[in-house]
């Protein structure tokens, strides 16, 4: 199962997210839940960098897969709109595939 956690500050802005695990909803290369989560997360990081012109800290395990930790997310309006869109997209996937992905939000 993929577990996605979002960290919020006291103003309910997303400051970080972590994604870990494997969806296991299909064979390698045909796992649509994994593909959706990967596409959403990569697009989000690219948008934070290229559209919002910010520099989040990204830590991933590309050898073993199944791990992505993004911190130092900007509190700018553009970055937060991108993060809210990512959160909404991940929730949509989780609602459709609750056995394969869980999304949680934590306030720090």
C-alpha atoms as a PDB file:
ATOM      1  CA  UNK A   1       0.000   0.000   0.000  1.00  0.00           C
ATOM      2  CA  UNK A   2       1.137   3.547  -0.763  1.00  0.00           C
ATOM      3  CA  UNK A   3       0.937   5.862   2.230  1.00  0.00           C
ATOM      4  CA  UNK A   4       0.984   9.600   1.610  1.00  0.00           C
ATOM      5  CA  UNK A   5       1.280  12.030   4.511  1.00  0.00           C
ATOM      6  CA  UNK A   6       1.019  15.787   4.265  1.00  0.00           C
ATOM      7  CA  UNK A   7       2.342  18.121   6.963  1.00  0.00           C
ATOM      8  CA  UNK A   8       0.512  21.382   7.621  1.00  0.00           C
ATOM      9  CA  UNK A   9       1.573  24.439   9.559  1.00  0.00           C
ATOM     10  CA  UNK A  10      -0.778  26.263  11.945  1.00  0.00           C
ATOM     11  CA  UNK A  11      -2.129  28.305   8.995  1.00  0.00           C
ATOM     12  CA  UNK A  12      -3.118  25.054   7.225  1.00  0.00           C
ATOM     13  CA  UNK A  13      -0.449  25.453   4.542  1.00  0.00           C
ATOM     14  CA  UNK A  14       1.250  22.318   3.248  1.00  0.00           C
ATOM     15  CA  UNK A  15       4.912  22.379   4.261  1.00  0.00           C
ATOM     16  CA  UNK A  16       5.980  18.821   3.344  1.00  0.00           C
ATOM     17  CA  UNK A  17       4.768  15.474   2.078  1.00  0.00           C
ATOM     18  CA  UNK A  18       6.042  11.917   2.173  1.00  0.00           C
ATOM     19  CA  UNK A  19       5.036   9.040  -0.061  1.00  0.00           C
ATOM     20  CA  UNK A  20       6.128   5.490   0.672  1.00  0.00           C
ATOM     21  CA  UNK A  21       5.223   1.948  -0.193  1.00  0.00           C
ATOM     22  CA  UNK A  22       3.909   0.157  -3.252  1.00  0.00           C
ATOM     23  CA  UNK A  23       0.327   0.041  -4.519  1.00  0.00           C
ATOM     24  CA  UNK A  24       0.498  -3.603  -5.627  1.00  0.00           C
ATOM     25  CA  UNK A  25      -2.660  -3.139  -7.704  1.00  0.00           C
ATOM     26  CA  UNK A  26      -1.218  -4.854 -10.762  1.00  0.00           C
ATOM     27  CA  UNK A  27       1.930  -6.315 -12.306  1.00  0.00           C
ATOM     28  CA  UNK A  28       5.011  -4.130 -12.598  1.00  0.00           C
ATOM     29  CA  UNK A  29       4.513  -1.744 -15.488  1.00  0.00           C
ATOM     30  CA  UNK A  30       0.737  -2.174 -15.384  1.00  0.00           C
ATOM     31  CA  UNK A  31      -0.029  -0.857 -11.898  1.00  0.00           C
ATOM     32  CA  UNK A  32      -2.417   2.049 -12.556  1.00  0.00           C
ATOM     33  CA  UNK A  33      -2.454   3.235  -8.934  1.00  0.00           C
ATOM     34  CA  UNK A  34       1.340   3.441  -8.896  1.00  0.00           C
ATOM     35  CA  UNK A  35       1.283   5.229 -12.250  1.00  0.00           C
ATOM     36  CA  UNK A  36      -1.255   7.769 -10.995  1.00  0.00           C
ATOM     37  CA  UNK A  37       0.628   8.454  -7.753  1.00  0.00           C
ATOM     38  CA  UNK A  38       3.946   8.726  -9.602  1.00  0.00           C
ATOM     39  CA  UNK A  39       2.567  11.051 -12.273  1.00  0.00           C
ATOM     40  CA  UNK A  40       0.913  13.301  -9.716  1.00  0.00           C
ATOM     41  CA  UNK A  41       3.990  13.524  -7.483  1.00  0.00           C
ATOM     42  CA  UNK A  42       6.474  14.129 -10.299  1.00  0.00           C
ATOM     43  CA  UNK A  43       4.199  16.736 -11.891  1.00  0.00           C
ATOM     44  CA  UNK A  44       3.863  18.457  -8.521  1.00  0.00           C
ATOM     45  CA  UNK A  45       7.602  18.656  -7.952  1.00  0.00           C
ATOM     46  CA  UNK A  46       8.123  19.921 -11.501  1.00  0.00           C
ATOM     47  CA  UNK A  47       5.389  22.546 -11.029  1.00  0.00           C
ATOM     48  CA  UNK A  48       6.861  23.729  -7.722  1.00  0.00           C
ATOM     49  CA  UNK A  49      10.200  24.196  -9.450  1.00  0.00           C
ATOM     50  CA  UNK A  50       9.192  25.421 -12.909  1.00  0.00           C
ATOM     51  CA  UNK A  51       5.876  27.218 -12.347  1.00  0.00           C
ATOM     52  CA  UNK A  52       6.127  28.478  -8.765  1.00  0.00           C
ATOM     53  CA  UNK A  53       9.901  29.047  -9.150  1.00  0.00           C
ATOM     54  CA  UNK A  54      10.646  27.462  -5.778  1.00  0.00           C
ATOM     55  CA  UNK A  55      13.225  24.931  -4.637  1.00  0.00           C
ATOM     56  CA  UNK A  56      11.725  22.222  -2.430  1.00  0.00           C
ATOM     57  CA  UNK A  57      14.089  19.680  -0.917  1.00  0.00           C
ATOM     58  CA  UNK A  58      13.459  16.278  -2.534  1.00  0.00           C
ATOM     59  CA  UNK A  59      14.713  12.978  -1.151  1.00  0.00           C
ATOM     60  CA  UNK A  60      13.857   9.781  -3.013  1.00  0.00           C
ATOM     61  CA  UNK A  61      15.020   6.222  -3.352  1.00  0.00           C
ATOM     62  CA  UNK A  62      15.155   5.627  -7.089  1.00  0.00           C
ATOM     63  CA  UNK A  63      16.959   2.288  -6.722  1.00  0.00           C
ATOM     64  CA  UNK A  64      14.343   0.598  -4.570  1.00  0.00           C
ATOM     65  CA  UNK A  65      11.392   2.857  -5.377  1.00  0.00           C
ATOM     66  CA  UNK A  66       8.543   3.386  -3.037  1.00  0.00           C
ATOM     67  CA  UNK A  67       9.939   6.435  -1.202  1.00  0.00           C
ATOM     68  CA  UNK A  68       9.640  10.168  -1.797  1.00  0.00           C
ATOM     69  CA  UNK A  69      10.045  12.871   0.838  1.00  0.00           C
ATOM     70  CA  UNK A  70       9.548  16.517  -0.125  1.00  0.00           C
ATOM     71  CA  UNK A  71      10.240  19.233   2.447  1.00  0.00           C
ATOM     72  CA  UNK A  72      10.874  22.977   2.502  1.00  0.00           C
ATOM     73  CA  UNK A  73       7.791  23.610   0.377  1.00  0.00           C
ATOM     74  CA  UNK A  74       7.284  27.315  -0.198  1.00  0.00           C
ATOM     75  CA  UNK A  75       4.381  29.063   1.460  1.00  0.00           C
ATOM     76  CA  UNK A  76       3.879  31.261  -1.605  1.00  0.00           C
ATOM     77  CA  UNK A  77       0.395  31.413  -3.096  1.00  0.00           C
ATOM     78  CA  UNK A  78       1.434  29.591  -6.293  1.00  0.00           C
ATOM     79  CA  UNK A  79       3.210  26.796  -4.421  1.00  0.00           C
ATOM     80  CA  UNK A  80       0.238  26.290  -2.107  1.00  0.00           C
ATOM     81  CA  UNK A  81      -2.221  26.146  -5.013  1.00  0.00           C
ATOM     82  CA  UNK A  82      -0.028  23.456  -6.592  1.00  0.00           C
ATOM     83  CA  UNK A  83       0.139  21.539  -3.309  1.00  0.00           C
ATOM     84  CA  UNK A  84      -3.623  21.735  -2.759  1.00  0.00           C
ATOM     85  CA  UNK A  85      -4.162  20.420  -6.285  1.00  0.00           C
ATOM     86  CA  UNK A  86      -1.746  17.549  -5.561  1.00  0.00           C
ATOM     87  CA  UNK A  87      -3.525  16.776  -2.283  1.00  0.00           C
ATOM     88  CA  UNK A  88      -6.916  16.755  -4.028  1.00  0.00           C
ATOM     89  CA  UNK A  89      -5.584  14.480  -6.794  1.00  0.00           C
ATOM     90  CA  UNK A  90      -4.098  12.005  -4.341  1.00  0.00           C
ATOM     91  CA  UNK A  91      -7.375  11.954  -2.392  1.00  0.00           C
ATOM     92  CA  UNK A  92      -9.266  11.210  -5.601  1.00  0.00           C
ATOM     93  CA  UNK A  93      -6.995   8.239  -6.301  1.00  0.00           C
ATOM     94  CA  UNK A  94      -7.315   7.048  -2.680  1.00  0.00           C
ATOM     95  CA  UNK A  95     -11.112   7.231  -2.840  1.00  0.00           C
ATOM     96  CA  UNK A  96     -11.108   5.081  -5.980  1.00  0.00           C
ATOM     97  CA  UNK A  97      -8.504   2.581  -4.702  1.00  0.00           C
ATOM     98  CA  UNK A  98      -8.751   2.514  -0.874  1.00  0.00           C
ATOM     99  CA  UNK A  99      -6.979  -0.869  -0.640  1.00  0.00           C
ATOM    100  CA  UNK A 100      -3.921   0.495  -2.457  1.00  0.00           C
ATOM    101  CA  UNK A 101      -3.371   4.055  -1.219  1.00  0.00           C
ATOM    102  CA  UNK A 102      -4.034   6.023   1.988  1.00  0.00           C
ATOM    103  CA  UNK A 103      -3.713   9.791   2.395  1.00  0.00           C
ATOM    104  CA  UNK A 104      -3.357  11.546   5.775  1.00  0.00           C
ATOM    105  CA  UNK A 105      -2.796  15.109   6.829  1.00  0.00           C
ATOM    106  CA  UNK A 106      -0.989  16.191  10.009  1.00  0.00           C
ATOM    107  CA  UNK A 107      -0.700  19.624  11.551  1.00  0.00           C
ATOM    108  CA  UNK A 108       2.631  20.461  13.117  1.00  0.00           C
END
